[in-house]
Amino acid sequence: MLHGKKGFDRIVYAFNNVLTKPVTWLFHDLRGGMLTSTSHIQTSYKLTDHEEATVADPLGLHFPTKKTVSLEVSDPLQVRLPSLKPPAQVDPSYGADFEDYAFDIHEWLSLVLLESPRVNFDDKIDPFLSRYAPPGDSFINSKLVKVTWQGFISPSWAHKTYVQMLLAVPQDAWFAYCVVGFGDGPLGEGKACTILKLPDAPKEFVSWEIS
């Protein structure tokens, strides 16, 4: 962007007339995986397996607050686990049975993500307040663990993490992987993608994408 162009003049106008109060900005450095912070000005990055270089941090002069995205592991969730397998008989265009299955399982996974008490095995909510029940006719008492990362995460990191889970989980086991982006709609709606690895099916998955 060059001085004198319309875009540049609009930025100058915004800073002079709109952005007149201090605001908090969130930045993510895409140059590499951050290893250590030696000061507010110098940051060390890993370039290769045998080489490291110290580069200047352009935000160092503004005394940034640096945050590290670390995992959070929930306590074991005692839930009513429904059957995660899709209907065995579906037509080529995926009939209503599969649509109902996809909607119900996605709703159940969303409640697990929120750690809602409605999916707890010992939930005894008054049916006048909530009539929700896990999908299906039969449930088993199961323990689940939720692992969460929250922050600026690149698509490549999310992809690598998913691949690592595929390699670590036994072929007959199941897991759900959900990535949610920042809200960008008028009501704060965000983009989300959920992938469910089906149990007892090493190469079968169900995916939901919300945008």
N, C-alpha and C. Protein backbone atom coordinates (compact mmCIF):
# COMPACT_ATOMS: atom_id res chain seq x y z
N MET A 1 0.86 -1.18 0.00
CA MET A 1 0.00 0.00 0.00
C MET A 1 0.89 1.23 0.00
N LEU A 2 0.64 2.16 -0.90
CA LEU A 2 1.49 3.31 -1.09
C LEU A 2 0.84 4.58 -0.57
N HIS A 3 1.71 5.48 -0.10
CA HIS A 3 1.23 6.79 0.38
C HIS A 3 0.58 7.55 -0.77
N GLY A 4 -0.58 8.14 -0.50
CA GLY A 4 -1.29 8.88 -1.52
C GLY A 4 -2.39 8.10 -2.20
N LYS A 5 -2.39 6.76 -2.05
CA LYS A 5 -3.44 5.94 -2.64
C LYS A 5 -4.69 5.99 -1.75
N LYS A 6 -5.83 5.64 -2.35
CA LYS A 6 -7.09 5.72 -1.60
C LYS A 6 -7.08 4.82 -0.37
N GLY A 7 -6.55 3.59 -0.52
CA GLY A 7 -6.51 2.69 0.60
C GLY A 7 -5.69 3.23 1.75
N PHE A 8 -4.53 3.81 1.43
CA PHE A 8 -3.66 4.38 2.46
C PHE A 8 -4.35 5.55 3.14
N ASP A 9 -4.99 6.43 2.35
CA ASP A 9 -5.68 7.59 2.93
C ASP A 9 -6.83 7.16 3.83
N ARG A 10 -7.49 6.05 3.48
CA ARG A 10 -8.57 5.57 4.34
C ARG A 10 -8.05 5.09 5.68
N ILE A 11 -6.88 4.45 5.66
CA ILE A 11 -6.28 4.01 6.92
C ILE A 11 -5.90 5.21 7.79
N VAL A 12 -5.30 6.23 7.17
CA VAL A 12 -4.94 7.44 7.91
C VAL A 12 -6.18 8.09 8.50
N TYR A 13 -7.25 8.14 7.71
CA TYR A 13 -8.50 8.74 8.20
C TYR A 13 -9.06 7.92 9.37
N ALA A 14 -8.99 6.58 9.26
CA ALA A 14 -9.52 5.74 10.33
C ALA A 14 -8.78 5.97 11.64
N PHE A 15 -7.44 6.07 11.57
CA PHE A 15 -6.67 6.27 12.80
C PHE A 15 -6.87 7.67 13.37
N ASN A 16 -7.15 8.65 12.52
CA ASN A 16 -7.33 10.02 13.00
C ASN A 16 -8.73 10.29 13.51
N ASN A 17 -9.73 9.53 13.04
CA ASN A 17 -11.11 9.88 13.35
C ASN A 17 -11.92 8.76 14.00
N VAL A 18 -11.50 7.50 13.82
CA VAL A 18 -12.28 6.39 14.35
C VAL A 18 -11.52 5.67 15.47
N LEU A 19 -10.32 5.20 15.15
CA LEU A 19 -9.52 4.46 16.13
C LEU A 19 -8.74 5.42 17.00
N THR A 20 -9.47 6.21 17.80
CA THR A 20 -8.84 7.25 18.63
C THR A 20 -8.61 6.80 20.07
N LYS A 21 -9.08 5.59 20.41
CA LYS A 21 -8.89 5.07 21.76
C LYS A 21 -8.03 3.81 21.70
N PRO A 22 -7.28 3.54 22.76
CA PRO A 22 -6.44 2.32 22.75
C PRO A 22 -7.29 1.08 22.57
N VAL A 23 -6.83 0.18 21.73
CA VAL A 23 -7.51 -1.08 21.50
C VAL A 23 -6.49 -2.21 21.61
N THR A 24 -6.99 -3.42 21.80
CA THR A 24 -6.14 -4.60 21.91
C THR A 24 -6.15 -5.34 20.58
N TRP A 25 -4.94 -5.60 20.04
CA TRP A 25 -4.80 -6.31 18.78
C TRP A 25 -4.24 -7.70 19.06
N LEU A 26 -4.67 -8.66 18.26
CA LEU A 26 -4.21 -10.04 18.40
C LEU A 26 -3.45 -10.43 17.15
N PHE A 27 -2.18 -10.84 17.32
CA PHE A 27 -1.32 -11.19 16.20
C PHE A 27 -0.82 -12.63 16.37
N HIS A 28 -0.61 -13.27 15.24
CA HIS A 28 -0.01 -14.61 15.23
C HIS A 28 1.14 -14.60 14.25
N ASP A 29 2.34 -14.91 14.73
CA ASP A 29 3.53 -14.91 13.88
C ASP A 29 3.58 -16.21 13.09
N LEU A 30 3.52 -16.12 11.76
CA LEU A 30 3.50 -17.29 10.90
C LEU A 30 4.88 -17.71 10.42
N ARG A 31 5.93 -17.07 10.92
CA ARG A 31 7.27 -17.38 10.40
C ARG A 31 7.81 -18.71 10.88
N GLY A 32 7.26 -19.26 11.93
CA GLY A 32 7.76 -20.54 12.43
C GLY A 32 7.25 -20.79 13.82
N GLY A 33 7.58 -21.96 14.37
CA GLY A 33 7.16 -22.29 15.71
C GLY A 33 8.02 -21.57 16.74
N MET A 34 7.40 -20.79 17.60
CA MET A 34 8.15 -20.04 18.59
C MET A 34 8.67 -20.98 19.67
N LEU A 35 9.97 -20.85 19.97
CA LEU A 35 10.58 -21.71 20.97
C LEU A 35 10.71 -20.99 22.30
N THR A 36 11.47 -19.91 22.31
CA THR A 36 11.70 -19.20 23.57
C THR A 36 11.63 -17.70 23.32
N SER A 37 11.32 -16.97 24.37
CA SER A 37 11.30 -15.51 24.31
C SER A 37 12.44 -14.99 25.17
N THR A 38 13.47 -14.40 24.52
CA THR A 38 14.63 -13.93 25.25
C THR A 38 14.45 -12.52 25.79
N SER A 39 13.60 -11.74 25.16
CA SER A 39 13.30 -10.39 25.62
C SER A 39 12.07 -9.92 24.87
N HIS A 40 11.70 -8.68 25.08
CA HIS A 40 10.57 -8.13 24.35
C HIS A 40 10.92 -7.88 22.89
N ILE A 41 12.20 -7.89 22.55
CA ILE A 41 12.61 -7.51 21.20
C ILE A 41 13.12 -8.70 20.42
N GLN A 42 13.74 -9.66 21.06
CA GLN A 42 14.33 -10.79 20.36
C GLN A 42 13.56 -12.07 20.66
N THR A 43 13.29 -12.83 19.63
CA THR A 43 12.60 -14.11 19.77
C THR A 43 13.35 -15.15 18.97
N SER A 44 13.47 -16.36 19.52
CA SER A 44 14.20 -17.43 18.86
C SER A 44 13.23 -18.33 18.11
N TYR A 45 13.59 -18.68 16.85
CA TYR A 45 12.77 -19.53 16.02
C TYR A 45 13.58 -20.71 15.52
N LYS A 46 12.93 -21.83 15.39
CA LYS A 46 13.59 -23.02 14.87
C LYS A 46 13.49 -23.04 13.36
N LEU A 47 14.64 -23.08 12.68
CA LEU A 47 14.65 -23.09 11.22
C LEU A 47 14.79 -24.50 10.68
N THR A 48 15.74 -25.25 11.18
CA THR A 48 15.93 -26.64 10.77
C THR A 48 16.22 -27.44 12.02
N ASP A 49 16.49 -28.74 11.83
CA ASP A 49 16.78 -29.59 12.98
C ASP A 49 18.09 -29.21 13.65
N HIS A 50 19.01 -28.58 12.90
CA HIS A 50 20.35 -28.30 13.44
C HIS A 50 20.67 -26.81 13.39
N GLU A 51 19.68 -25.97 13.13
CA GLU A 51 19.98 -24.55 12.97
C GLU A 51 18.92 -23.70 13.65
N GLU A 52 19.35 -22.70 14.38
CA GLU A 52 18.44 -21.76 14.99
C GLU A 52 18.94 -20.35 14.71
N ALA A 53 18.02 -19.43 14.58
CA ALA A 53 18.40 -18.04 14.32
C ALA A 53 17.57 -17.12 15.19
N THR A 54 18.14 -16.01 15.57
CA THR A 54 17.45 -15.02 16.36
C THR A 54 17.03 -13.88 15.45
N VAL A 55 15.76 -13.60 15.40
CA VAL A 55 15.24 -12.58 14.50
C VAL A 55 14.56 -11.50 15.33
N ALA A 56 14.48 -10.31 14.75
CA ALA A 56 13.87 -9.19 15.45
C ALA A 56 12.35 -9.34 15.44
N ASP A 57 11.73 -9.07 16.56
CA ASP A 57 10.28 -9.11 16.66
C ASP A 57 9.76 -7.72 16.35
N PRO A 58 9.01 -7.52 15.26
CA PRO A 58 8.54 -6.17 14.90
C PRO A 58 7.59 -5.57 15.93
N LEU A 59 6.99 -6.41 16.78
CA LEU A 59 6.08 -5.90 17.79
C LEU A 59 6.77 -5.65 19.13
N GLY A 60 8.07 -5.95 19.18
CA GLY A 60 8.78 -5.85 20.44
C GLY A 60 8.79 -4.45 21.03
N LEU A 61 8.84 -3.44 20.19
CA LEU A 61 8.88 -2.07 20.68
C LEU A 61 7.58 -1.63 21.33
N HIS A 62 6.51 -2.40 21.11
CA HIS A 62 5.21 -2.03 21.66
C HIS A 62 4.88 -2.83 22.92
N PHE A 63 5.87 -3.53 23.47
CA PHE A 63 5.72 -4.29 24.71
C PHE A 63 4.51 -5.23 24.65
N PRO A 64 4.54 -6.19 23.74
CA PRO A 64 3.39 -7.10 23.61
C PRO A 64 3.31 -8.08 24.77
N THR A 65 2.11 -8.55 25.02
CA THR A 65 1.88 -9.63 25.97
C THR A 65 1.81 -10.92 25.19
N LYS A 66 2.76 -11.83 25.40
CA LYS A 66 2.84 -13.06 24.62
C LYS A 66 2.11 -14.18 25.33
N LYS A 67 1.31 -14.90 24.55
CA LYS A 67 0.54 -16.01 25.08
C LYS A 67 0.93 -17.30 24.36
N THR A 68 1.02 -18.37 25.10
CA THR A 68 1.31 -19.69 24.52
C THR A 68 0.05 -20.53 24.54
N VAL A 69 -0.29 -21.09 23.39
CA VAL A 69 -1.47 -21.94 23.30
C VAL A 69 -1.10 -23.31 23.85
N SER A 70 -1.69 -23.68 24.95
CA SER A 70 -1.40 -24.97 25.58
C SER A 70 -2.70 -25.75 25.74
N LEU A 71 -2.57 -27.06 25.85
CA LEU A 71 -3.76 -27.90 25.91
C LEU A 71 -4.38 -27.88 27.30
N GLU A 72 -5.68 -28.07 27.33
CA GLU A 72 -6.42 -28.23 28.56
C GLU A 72 -7.13 -29.58 28.51
N VAL A 73 -6.91 -30.39 29.52
CA VAL A 73 -7.52 -31.72 29.58
C VAL A 73 -8.60 -31.70 30.65
N SER A 74 -9.81 -32.04 30.25
CA SER A 74 -10.93 -32.04 31.18
C SER A 74 -10.88 -33.27 32.09
N ASP A 75 -11.60 -33.19 33.18
CA ASP A 75 -11.80 -34.38 34.01
C ASP A 75 -12.64 -35.39 33.21
N PRO A 76 -12.50 -36.68 33.50
CA PRO A 76 -13.31 -37.67 32.77
C PRO A 76 -14.80 -37.34 32.86
N LEU A 77 -15.46 -37.34 31.70
CA LEU A 77 -16.88 -37.06 31.62
C LEU A 77 -17.64 -38.38 31.59
N GLN A 78 -18.51 -38.60 32.57
CA GLN A 78 -19.30 -39.82 32.62
C GLN A 78 -20.58 -39.56 31.84
N VAL A 79 -20.68 -40.12 30.65
CA VAL A 79 -21.78 -39.77 29.76
C VAL A 79 -22.58 -41.01 29.36
N ARG A 80 -23.78 -40.75 28.83
CA ARG A 80 -24.59 -41.77 28.18
C ARG A 80 -24.19 -41.80 26.72
N LEU A 81 -23.48 -42.83 26.34
CA LEU A 81 -22.94 -42.92 24.98
C LEU A 81 -23.93 -43.64 24.08
N PRO A 82 -24.45 -42.95 23.05
CA PRO A 82 -25.35 -43.62 22.11
C PRO A 82 -24.55 -44.41 21.08
N SER A 83 -25.25 -45.14 20.25
CA SER A 83 -24.59 -45.83 19.15
C SER A 83 -24.14 -44.79 18.11
N LEU A 84 -22.86 -44.81 17.78
CA LEU A 84 -22.32 -43.83 16.85
C LEU A 84 -22.34 -44.31 15.41
N LYS A 85 -22.77 -45.55 15.20
CA LYS A 85 -22.77 -46.09 13.84
C LYS A 85 -23.97 -45.56 13.07
N PRO A 86 -23.77 -45.17 11.82
CA PRO A 86 -24.90 -44.67 11.00
C PRO A 86 -25.83 -45.81 10.62
N PRO A 87 -27.03 -45.47 10.14
CA PRO A 87 -27.97 -46.51 9.72
C PRO A 87 -27.37 -47.42 8.66
N ALA A 88 -27.65 -48.70 8.78
CA ALA A 88 -27.07 -49.66 7.83
C ALA A 88 -27.71 -49.58 6.47
N GLN A 89 -29.01 -49.24 6.41
CA GLN A 89 -29.72 -49.18 5.14
C GLN A 89 -30.01 -47.73 4.78
N VAL A 90 -29.33 -47.24 3.75
CA VAL A 90 -29.57 -45.88 3.26
C VAL A 90 -29.64 -45.94 1.75
N ASP A 91 -30.42 -45.03 1.17
CA ASP A 91 -30.50 -45.00 -0.28
C ASP A 91 -29.31 -44.24 -0.84
N PRO A 92 -29.05 -44.30 -2.15
CA PRO A 92 -27.88 -43.64 -2.72
C PRO A 92 -27.81 -42.14 -2.47
N SER A 93 -28.95 -41.49 -2.27
CA SER A 93 -28.96 -40.04 -2.06
C SER A 93 -28.98 -39.67 -0.58
N TYR A 94 -28.71 -40.64 0.31
CA TYR A 94 -28.73 -40.42 1.76
C TYR A 94 -30.11 -39.94 2.19
N GLY A 95 -30.93 -40.89 2.57
CA GLY A 95 -32.30 -40.58 2.92
C GLY A 95 -32.43 -39.96 4.29
N ALA A 96 -33.71 -39.88 4.72
CA ALA A 96 -34.00 -39.17 5.97
C ALA A 96 -33.37 -39.85 7.17
N ASP A 97 -33.20 -41.18 7.11
CA ASP A 97 -32.60 -41.88 8.25
C ASP A 97 -31.19 -41.36 8.52
N PHE A 98 -30.40 -41.22 7.47
CA PHE A 98 -29.04 -40.73 7.66
C PHE A 98 -29.05 -39.26 8.08
N GLU A 99 -29.96 -38.46 7.54
CA GLU A 99 -30.02 -37.06 7.92
C GLU A 99 -30.36 -36.92 9.40
N ASP A 100 -31.29 -37.72 9.87
CA ASP A 100 -31.64 -37.68 11.30
C ASP A 100 -30.44 -38.11 12.14
N TYR A 101 -29.75 -39.16 11.70
CA TYR A 101 -28.56 -39.63 12.42
C TYR A 101 -27.51 -38.52 12.50
N ALA A 102 -27.24 -37.87 11.35
CA ALA A 102 -26.20 -36.83 11.32
C ALA A 102 -26.56 -35.66 12.23
N PHE A 103 -27.83 -35.27 12.22
CA PHE A 103 -28.26 -34.15 13.07
C PHE A 103 -28.16 -34.52 14.54
N ASP A 104 -28.66 -35.70 14.90
CA ASP A 104 -28.69 -36.10 16.32
C ASP A 104 -27.28 -36.29 16.89
N ILE A 105 -26.41 -36.94 16.12
CA ILE A 105 -25.05 -37.18 16.63
C ILE A 105 -24.27 -35.88 16.73
N HIS A 106 -24.46 -34.98 15.77
CA HIS A 106 -23.76 -33.69 15.85
C HIS A 106 -24.25 -32.89 17.06
N GLU A 107 -25.54 -32.95 17.35
CA GLU A 107 -26.06 -32.28 18.53
C GLU A 107 -25.47 -32.87 19.80
N TRP A 108 -25.38 -34.21 19.87
CA TRP A 108 -24.82 -34.86 21.04
C TRP A 108 -23.34 -34.49 21.21
N LEU A 109 -22.57 -34.51 20.12
CA LEU A 109 -21.16 -34.13 20.20
C LEU A 109 -21.00 -32.68 20.64
N SER A 110 -21.89 -31.81 20.18
CA SER A 110 -21.82 -30.40 20.58
C SER A 110 -22.06 -30.24 22.07
N LEU A 111 -23.00 -31.02 22.63
CA LEU A 111 -23.26 -30.96 24.06
C LEU A 111 -22.08 -31.51 24.87
N VAL A 112 -21.42 -32.54 24.34
CA VAL A 112 -20.21 -33.04 24.99
C VAL A 112 -19.13 -31.98 24.97
N LEU A 113 -18.99 -31.28 23.84
CA LEU A 113 -17.99 -30.21 23.72
C LEU A 113 -18.24 -29.12 24.75
N LEU A 114 -19.51 -28.83 25.01
CA LEU A 114 -19.88 -27.80 25.99
C LEU A 114 -19.88 -28.33 27.42
N GLU A 115 -19.65 -29.64 27.58
CA GLU A 115 -19.73 -30.30 28.88
C GLU A 115 -21.09 -30.06 29.53
N SER A 116 -22.12 -30.20 28.72
CA SER A 116 -23.48 -30.01 29.21
C SER A 116 -23.87 -31.15 30.13
N PRO A 117 -24.54 -30.87 31.24
CA PRO A 117 -25.00 -31.95 32.13
C PRO A 117 -26.08 -32.82 31.49
N ARG A 118 -26.64 -32.40 30.36
CA ARG A 118 -27.70 -33.19 29.71
C ARG A 118 -27.18 -34.50 29.17
N VAL A 119 -25.89 -34.63 28.94
CA VAL A 119 -25.35 -35.89 28.42
C VAL A 119 -24.75 -36.74 29.53
N ASN A 120 -24.77 -36.26 30.76
CA ASN A 120 -24.22 -37.03 31.87
C ASN A 120 -25.06 -38.28 32.12
N PHE A 121 -24.38 -39.33 32.53
CA PHE A 121 -25.07 -40.60 32.74
C PHE A 121 -26.08 -40.51 33.89
N ASP A 122 -25.80 -39.68 34.90
CA ASP A 122 -26.68 -39.57 36.06
C ASP A 122 -27.56 -38.32 35.99
N ASP A 123 -27.76 -37.75 34.81
CA ASP A 123 -28.56 -36.54 34.68
C ASP A 123 -30.02 -36.85 34.99
N LYS A 124 -30.60 -36.06 35.89
CA LYS A 124 -32.00 -36.26 36.29
C LYS A 124 -32.75 -34.92 36.19
N ILE A 125 -32.57 -34.22 35.09
CA ILE A 125 -33.23 -32.94 34.90
C ILE A 125 -34.74 -33.14 34.82
N ASP A 126 -35.48 -32.21 35.38
CA ASP A 126 -36.93 -32.24 35.29
C ASP A 126 -37.35 -32.14 33.83
N PRO A 127 -38.14 -33.10 33.32
CA PRO A 127 -38.53 -33.06 31.91
C PRO A 127 -39.32 -31.81 31.55
N PHE A 128 -39.86 -31.10 32.55
CA PHE A 128 -40.54 -29.84 32.26
C PHE A 128 -39.53 -28.78 31.81
N LEU A 129 -38.27 -28.89 32.27
CA LEU A 129 -37.22 -27.93 31.92
C LEU A 129 -36.45 -28.35 30.67
N SER A 130 -36.26 -29.65 30.50
CA SER A 130 -35.52 -30.13 29.33
C SER A 130 -35.99 -31.54 28.99
N ARG A 131 -36.35 -31.73 27.73
CA ARG A 131 -36.78 -33.04 27.27
C ARG A 131 -35.71 -33.71 26.42
N TYR A 132 -34.48 -33.19 26.47
CA TYR A 132 -33.43 -33.75 25.63
C TYR A 132 -33.05 -35.16 26.13
N ALA A 133 -32.80 -36.04 25.18
CA ALA A 133 -32.28 -37.38 25.47
C ALA A 133 -31.31 -37.74 24.35
N PRO A 134 -30.23 -38.42 24.67
CA PRO A 134 -29.29 -38.84 23.62
C PRO A 134 -30.01 -39.66 22.56
N PRO A 135 -29.55 -39.59 21.31
CA PRO A 135 -30.24 -40.30 20.23
C PRO A 135 -30.14 -41.82 20.38
N GLY A 136 -31.11 -42.49 19.81
CA GLY A 136 -31.09 -43.96 19.85
C GLY A 136 -31.93 -44.51 21.00
N ASP A 137 -32.02 -45.81 21.02
CA ASP A 137 -32.83 -46.50 22.03
C ASP A 137 -32.00 -47.10 23.16
N SER A 138 -30.70 -47.21 22.96
CA SER A 138 -29.85 -47.83 23.99
C SER A 138 -28.60 -46.99 24.19
N PHE A 139 -28.12 -46.97 25.43
CA PHE A 139 -26.92 -46.20 25.78
C PHE A 139 -26.03 -47.07 26.66
N ILE A 140 -24.77 -46.69 26.71
CA ILE A 140 -23.84 -47.33 27.63
C ILE A 140 -23.17 -46.25 28.46
N ASN A 141 -22.82 -46.61 29.66
CA ASN A 141 -22.11 -45.70 30.55
C ASN A 141 -20.65 -45.65 30.12
N SER A 142 -20.17 -44.48 29.71
CA SER A 142 -18.83 -44.38 29.17
C SER A 142 -18.12 -43.14 29.72
N LYS A 143 -16.82 -43.23 29.80
CA LYS A 143 -16.00 -42.10 30.22
C LYS A 143 -15.32 -41.48 29.01
N LEU A 144 -15.45 -40.16 28.87
CA LEU A 144 -14.82 -39.42 27.78
C LEU A 144 -13.89 -38.37 28.35
N VAL A 145 -12.87 -38.04 27.58
CA VAL A 145 -11.93 -36.98 27.96
C VAL A 145 -11.89 -35.97 26.81
N LYS A 146 -12.01 -34.71 27.16
CA LYS A 146 -11.96 -33.64 26.16
C LYS A 146 -10.64 -32.90 26.27
N VAL A 147 -9.93 -32.79 25.15
CA VAL A 147 -8.66 -32.06 25.07
C VAL A 147 -8.90 -30.82 24.22
N THR A 148 -8.55 -29.66 24.75
CA THR A 148 -8.89 -28.40 24.08
C THR A 148 -7.66 -27.52 23.92
N TRP A 149 -7.52 -26.94 22.72
CA TRP A 149 -6.59 -25.84 22.50
C TRP A 149 -7.42 -24.63 22.10
N GLN A 150 -7.13 -23.46 22.66
CA GLN A 150 -7.88 -22.25 22.32
C GLN A 150 -6.90 -21.11 22.06
N GLY A 151 -7.00 -20.51 20.90
CA GLY A 151 -6.11 -19.41 20.54
C GLY A 151 -5.94 -19.31 19.04
N PHE A 152 -4.93 -18.56 18.60
CA PHE A 152 -4.61 -18.44 17.18
C PHE A 152 -3.90 -19.73 16.76
N ILE A 153 -4.54 -20.55 15.95
CA ILE A 153 -3.99 -21.82 15.52
C ILE A 153 -4.04 -21.87 14.00
N SER A 154 -2.93 -22.20 13.37
CA SER A 154 -2.87 -22.24 11.92
C SER A 154 -3.53 -23.51 11.39
N PRO A 155 -4.06 -23.49 10.15
CA PRO A 155 -4.66 -24.69 9.57
C PRO A 155 -3.68 -25.86 9.49
N SER A 156 -2.40 -25.57 9.21
CA SER A 156 -1.42 -26.65 9.11
C SER A 156 -1.23 -27.34 10.45
N TRP A 157 -1.24 -26.57 11.54
CA TRP A 157 -1.11 -27.18 12.87
C TRP A 157 -2.33 -28.04 13.19
N ALA A 158 -3.52 -27.55 12.85
CA ALA A 158 -4.73 -28.33 13.09
C ALA A 158 -4.71 -29.63 12.29
N HIS A 159 -4.20 -29.57 11.06
CA HIS A 159 -4.13 -30.77 10.22
C HIS A 159 -3.13 -31.77 10.80
N LYS A 160 -1.97 -31.29 11.23
CA LYS A 160 -0.96 -32.19 11.78
C LYS A 160 -1.45 -32.85 13.07
N THR A 161 -2.18 -32.09 13.89
CA THR A 161 -2.72 -32.66 15.12
C THR A 161 -3.73 -33.75 14.82
N TYR A 162 -4.56 -33.53 13.81
CA TYR A 162 -5.54 -34.55 13.41
C TYR A 162 -4.85 -35.82 12.93
N VAL A 163 -3.79 -35.67 12.14
CA VAL A 163 -3.05 -36.83 11.64
C VAL A 163 -2.42 -37.59 12.81
N GLN A 164 -1.89 -36.87 13.78
CA GLN A 164 -1.29 -37.53 14.95
C GLN A 164 -2.33 -38.33 15.73
N MET A 165 -3.54 -37.80 15.81
CA MET A 165 -4.60 -38.54 16.50
C MET A 165 -4.95 -39.81 15.74
N LEU A 166 -5.01 -39.72 14.41
CA LEU A 166 -5.31 -40.90 13.61
C LEU A 166 -4.27 -42.00 13.83
N LEU A 167 -3.00 -41.60 13.94
CA LEU A 167 -1.94 -42.58 14.12
C LEU A 167 -1.90 -43.14 15.53
N ALA A 168 -2.39 -42.38 16.51
CA ALA A 168 -2.29 -42.80 17.90
C ALA A 168 -3.48 -43.64 18.37
N VAL A 169 -4.64 -43.40 17.79
CA VAL A 169 -5.86 -44.09 18.25
C VAL A 169 -5.95 -45.48 17.63
N PRO A 170 -6.30 -46.50 18.41
CA PRO A 170 -6.49 -47.84 17.83
C PRO A 170 -7.52 -47.83 16.72
N GLN A 171 -7.36 -48.73 15.75
CA GLN A 171 -8.21 -48.73 14.58
C GLN A 171 -9.68 -49.00 14.90
N ASP A 172 -9.96 -49.75 15.98
CA ASP A 172 -11.35 -50.05 16.29
C ASP A 172 -11.97 -49.03 17.25
N ALA A 173 -11.21 -48.02 17.66
CA ALA A 173 -11.71 -47.00 18.58
C ALA A 173 -12.32 -45.84 17.79
N TRP A 174 -12.98 -44.93 18.51
CA TRP A 174 -13.58 -43.77 17.87
C TRP A 174 -13.09 -42.50 18.57
N PHE A 175 -13.16 -41.40 17.86
CA PHE A 175 -12.89 -40.09 18.45
C PHE A 175 -13.57 -39.04 17.57
N ALA A 176 -13.76 -37.87 18.13
CA ALA A 176 -14.33 -36.74 17.39
C ALA A 176 -13.34 -35.59 17.46
N TYR A 177 -13.15 -34.93 16.33
CA TYR A 177 -12.19 -33.81 16.23
C TYR A 177 -12.96 -32.60 15.72
N CYS A 178 -12.93 -31.51 16.47
CA CYS A 178 -13.72 -30.32 16.13
C CYS A 178 -12.81 -29.09 16.11
N VAL A 179 -12.94 -28.31 15.05
CA VAL A 179 -12.21 -27.05 14.92
C VAL A 179 -13.23 -25.95 14.71
N VAL A 180 -13.18 -24.92 15.55
CA VAL A 180 -14.15 -23.82 15.50
C VAL A 180 -13.39 -22.51 15.30
N GLY A 181 -13.82 -21.71 14.32
CA GLY A 181 -13.18 -20.44 14.05
C GLY A 181 -13.87 -19.29 14.76
N PHE A 182 -13.29 -18.10 14.61
CA PHE A 182 -13.87 -16.91 15.22
C PHE A 182 -15.19 -16.57 14.54
N GLY A 183 -16.13 -16.02 15.31
CA GLY A 183 -17.40 -15.60 14.74
C GLY A 183 -17.22 -14.40 13.84
N ASP A 184 -17.84 -14.46 12.66
CA ASP A 184 -17.72 -13.35 11.71
C ASP A 184 -19.07 -12.91 11.16
N GLY A 185 -20.16 -13.45 11.68
CA GLY A 185 -21.48 -13.06 11.24
C GLY A 185 -22.08 -12.01 12.13
N PRO A 186 -23.29 -11.51 11.78
CA PRO A 186 -23.93 -10.47 12.60
C PRO A 186 -24.28 -10.93 14.00
N LEU A 187 -24.45 -12.26 14.18
CA LEU A 187 -24.77 -12.81 15.49
C LEU A 187 -23.60 -13.54 16.10
N GLY A 188 -22.40 -13.34 15.52
CA GLY A 188 -21.21 -13.99 16.05
C GLY A 188 -21.04 -15.42 15.60
N GLU A 189 -21.74 -15.82 14.51
CA GLU A 189 -21.61 -17.19 14.05
C GLU A 189 -20.19 -17.45 13.56
N GLY A 190 -19.66 -18.60 13.87
CA GLY A 190 -18.32 -18.97 13.43
C GLY A 190 -18.35 -20.19 12.54
N LYS A 191 -17.29 -20.38 11.81
CA LYS A 191 -17.16 -21.57 10.98
C LYS A 191 -16.65 -22.72 11.83
N ALA A 192 -17.16 -23.91 11.56
CA ALA A 192 -16.78 -25.07 12.36
C ALA A 192 -16.73 -26.31 11.49
N CYS A 193 -15.84 -27.21 11.84
CA CYS A 193 -15.72 -28.49 11.15
C CYS A 193 -15.54 -29.58 12.21
N THR A 194 -16.35 -30.62 12.11
CA THR A 194 -16.28 -31.74 13.05
C THR A 194 -16.11 -33.03 12.26
N ILE A 195 -15.17 -33.85 12.69
CA ILE A 195 -14.91 -35.14 12.04
C ILE A 195 -15.05 -36.23 13.09
N LEU A 196 -15.87 -37.20 12.80
CA LEU A 196 -16.08 -38.34 13.70
C LEU A 196 -15.51 -39.59 13.06
N LYS A 197 -14.53 -40.20 13.72
CA LYS A 197 -14.03 -41.50 13.29
C LYS A 197 -14.94 -42.56 13.89
N LEU A 198 -15.56 -43.35 13.05
CA LEU A 198 -16.54 -44.32 13.52
C LEU A 198 -15.87 -45.49 14.22
N PRO A 199 -16.52 -46.06 15.23
CA PRO A 199 -15.94 -47.22 15.93
C PRO A 199 -16.02 -48.47 15.05
N ASP A 200 -15.05 -49.34 15.23
CA ASP A 200 -15.00 -50.62 14.51
C ASP A 200 -15.02 -50.44 12.99
N ALA A 201 -14.51 -49.29 12.53
CA ALA A 201 -14.47 -49.02 11.09
C ALA A 201 -13.24 -48.16 10.82
N PRO A 202 -12.09 -48.78 10.58
CA PRO A 202 -10.83 -48.04 10.47
C PRO A 202 -10.83 -46.96 9.38
N LYS A 203 -11.65 -47.12 8.33
CA LYS A 203 -11.59 -46.19 7.21
C LYS A 203 -12.92 -45.48 6.97
N GLU A 204 -13.76 -45.39 7.99
CA GLU A 204 -15.04 -44.75 7.82
C GLU A 204 -15.14 -43.55 8.77
N PHE A 205 -15.59 -42.41 8.20
CA PHE A 205 -15.68 -41.17 8.94
C PHE A 205 -16.98 -40.45 8.57
N VAL A 206 -17.43 -39.60 9.47
CA VAL A 206 -18.55 -38.70 9.19
C VAL A 206 -18.05 -37.28 9.47
N SER A 207 -18.34 -36.37 8.54
CA SER A 207 -17.84 -35.00 8.68
C SER A 207 -18.99 -34.03 8.58
N TRP A 208 -18.95 -33.00 9.45
CA TRP A 208 -19.90 -31.90 9.42
C TRP A 208 -19.13 -30.61 9.21
N GLU A 209 -19.62 -29.76 8.33
CA GLU A 209 -19.00 -28.46 8.08
C GLU A 209 -20.07 -27.38 8.17
N ILE A 210 -19.83 -26.40 9.04
CA ILE A 210 -20.75 -25.29 9.24
C ILE A 210 -20.05 -24.00 8.87
N SER A 211 -20.63 -23.25 7.95
CA SER A 211 -20.00 -21.99 7.52
C SER A 211 -21.07 -20.95 7.25
